[in-house]
Every structure is written in structure tokens, then in C-alpha cells.
């Protein structure tokens, strides 16, 4: 798992790249990024697989000065947090959400 932040000096935006790699993701057919930035809508933000590297990723432009809760949904059944998140917060559903602070 990986979170890359690149702050844009000219405007209050951060380019964030969300990435997943490793053996546990090789057999996945879909991985979705779901969170505050897309109103937790399934299918709005799919990660794309780069077959040569085996890395799933997606990049978003997010407003700075905010925190965003998010999780990954793998093959429509497995919810997973990002181990590199800035923090974790109870979801209210018996689990935690990852948090990225910008």
C-alpha cells in the first residue's frame, strides 16, 4: 500500500496517488477506492491495474486543509484500510476507516 502526496503551489490542491501492490492483490478482478471524496459511492473511483508491475492505482486531486476518510473495496466483498494512512477513525459500523490529512 502506498499514498503519495504532491501539493500544488498555485492552488489549494494536493495530487494524491493511492496504490496497492503485493501477492494478495494479484488475483483481484476489481479494486475500488471509496470515501468522503466520492460520497462513498461504489464504482465512482476504480483503481487500474498496471499488468507489467502488478500495481493497482488511482490519482485524485483533493482540496487541501481537509481530512478524508476512505477504504478500499476488493472484488466487491473485502473492505480494507491503507496501512500508510495518516490515522484511523471508527466508522460507526464496527470497523475503522483510513484517514488522509491534507
Protein backbone atom coordinates (compact mmCIF):
# COMPACT_ATOMS: atom_id res chain seq x y z
CA UNK A 1 0.00 0.00 0.00
CA UNK A 2 1.14 3.46 -0.73
CA UNK A 3 -0.07 7.05 -0.51
CA UNK A 4 1.84 9.71 -2.44
CA UNK A 5 1.02 13.38 -1.83
CA UNK A 6 2.12 16.17 -4.16
CA UNK A 7 0.96 19.62 -3.11
CA UNK A 8 0.26 22.14 -5.89
CA UNK A 9 1.73 25.53 -5.03
CA UNK A 10 -0.53 27.55 -7.33
CA UNK A 11 -3.82 26.36 -5.81
CA UNK A 12 -5.18 24.64 -2.69
CA UNK A 13 -4.97 21.16 -4.18
CA UNK A 14 -2.97 18.05 -3.45
CA UNK A 15 -2.49 15.33 -6.04
CA UNK A 16 -2.83 12.05 -4.16
CA UNK A 17 -1.89 8.70 -5.64
CA UNK A 18 -3.46 5.68 -3.93
CA UNK A 19 -1.65 2.40 -4.73
CA UNK A 20 -1.92 -1.26 -3.76
CA UNK A 21 0.60 -3.95 -4.63
CA UNK A 22 1.52 -7.39 -3.40
CA UNK A 23 0.60 -11.04 -3.71
CA UNK A 24 -2.80 -10.61 -2.04
CA UNK A 25 -3.96 -8.28 -4.87
CA UNK A 26 -2.73 -10.30 -7.86
CA UNK A 27 -5.92 -12.35 -8.09
CA UNK A 28 -8.27 -9.36 -7.62
CA UNK A 29 -10.53 -8.53 -10.53
CA UNK A 30 -11.63 -5.11 -9.21
CA UNK A 31 -10.44 -2.71 -6.54
CA UNK A 32 -12.44 0.42 -5.74
CA UNK A 33 -11.45 3.47 -3.72
CA UNK A 34 -14.42 4.62 -1.68
CA UNK A 35 -14.52 7.59 0.68
CA UNK A 36 -15.60 11.10 1.57
CA UNK A 37 -14.25 12.49 -1.72
CA UNK A 38 -16.76 10.43 -3.76
CA UNK A 39 -19.59 10.32 -1.19
CA UNK A 40 -18.85 6.63 -0.57
CA UNK A 41 -20.33 5.75 -3.96
CA UNK A 42 -19.27 2.31 -5.18
CA UNK A 43 -17.80 2.29 -8.66
CA UNK A 44 -17.01 6.03 -8.75
CA UNK A 45 -13.25 5.60 -8.29
CA UNK A 46 -11.84 2.30 -9.56
CA UNK A 47 -8.14 1.57 -9.28
CA UNK A 48 -6.45 0.49 -12.51
CA UNK A 49 -4.06 -2.42 -12.72
CA UNK A 50 -0.71 -1.95 -14.44
CA UNK A 51 -0.09 -5.52 -15.53
CA UNK A 52 3.65 -5.16 -16.00
CA UNK A 53 4.18 -4.06 -12.39
CA UNK A 54 1.16 -5.67 -10.70
CA UNK A 55 0.32 -2.33 -9.05
CA UNK A 56 -3.27 -1.10 -8.70
CA UNK A 57 -3.52 2.71 -8.53
CA UNK A 58 -5.61 5.82 -8.99
CA UNK A 59 -4.78 9.52 -8.58
CA UNK A 60 -7.12 12.23 -7.31
CA UNK A 61 -6.88 15.99 -6.90
CA UNK A 62 -8.10 16.72 -3.36
CA UNK A 63 -8.64 20.05 -1.63
CA UNK A 64 -6.03 20.86 0.99
CA UNK A 65 -6.83 21.80 4.57
CA UNK A 66 -9.18 18.83 4.94
CA UNK A 67 -9.18 15.24 6.16
CA UNK A 68 -10.76 12.49 4.09
CA UNK A 69 -11.92 9.08 5.30
CA UNK A 70 -11.59 6.20 2.84
CA UNK A 71 -11.30 2.44 2.34
CA UNK A 72 -10.60 0.02 -0.50
CA UNK A 73 -13.23 -2.47 -1.67
CA UNK A 74 -11.70 -5.56 -3.26
CA UNK A 75 -13.83 -7.69 -5.59
CA UNK A 76 -16.99 -6.20 -4.09
CA UNK A 77 -16.67 -8.14 -0.83
CA UNK A 78 -13.47 -7.32 1.09
CA UNK A 79 -13.08 -3.91 2.78
CA UNK A 80 -9.51 -2.92 3.55
CA UNK A 81 -7.75 0.05 5.11
CA UNK A 82 -4.49 1.59 3.92
CA UNK A 83 -1.68 0.77 6.34
CA UNK A 84 0.06 4.04 5.35
CA UNK A 85 -2.93 6.25 6.21
CA UNK A 86 -2.28 9.29 8.39
CA UNK A 87 -4.69 7.95 11.00
CA UNK A 88 -7.71 5.71 11.53
CA UNK A 89 -11.15 6.58 12.87
CA UNK A 90 -14.09 4.37 13.92
CA UNK A 91 -16.54 4.02 11.03
CA UNK A 92 -19.59 3.51 13.21
CA UNK A 93 -20.07 0.14 11.52
CA UNK A 94 -17.81 -1.91 13.76
CA UNK A 95 -14.61 -1.21 11.84
CA UNK A 96 -12.25 1.69 11.17
CA UNK A 97 -11.73 3.95 8.16
CA UNK A 98 -8.38 5.15 6.88
CA UNK A 99 -7.84 8.93 7.08
CA UNK A 100 -5.65 11.10 4.87
CA UNK A 101 -4.92 14.64 6.08
CA UNK A 102 -4.01 17.31 3.59
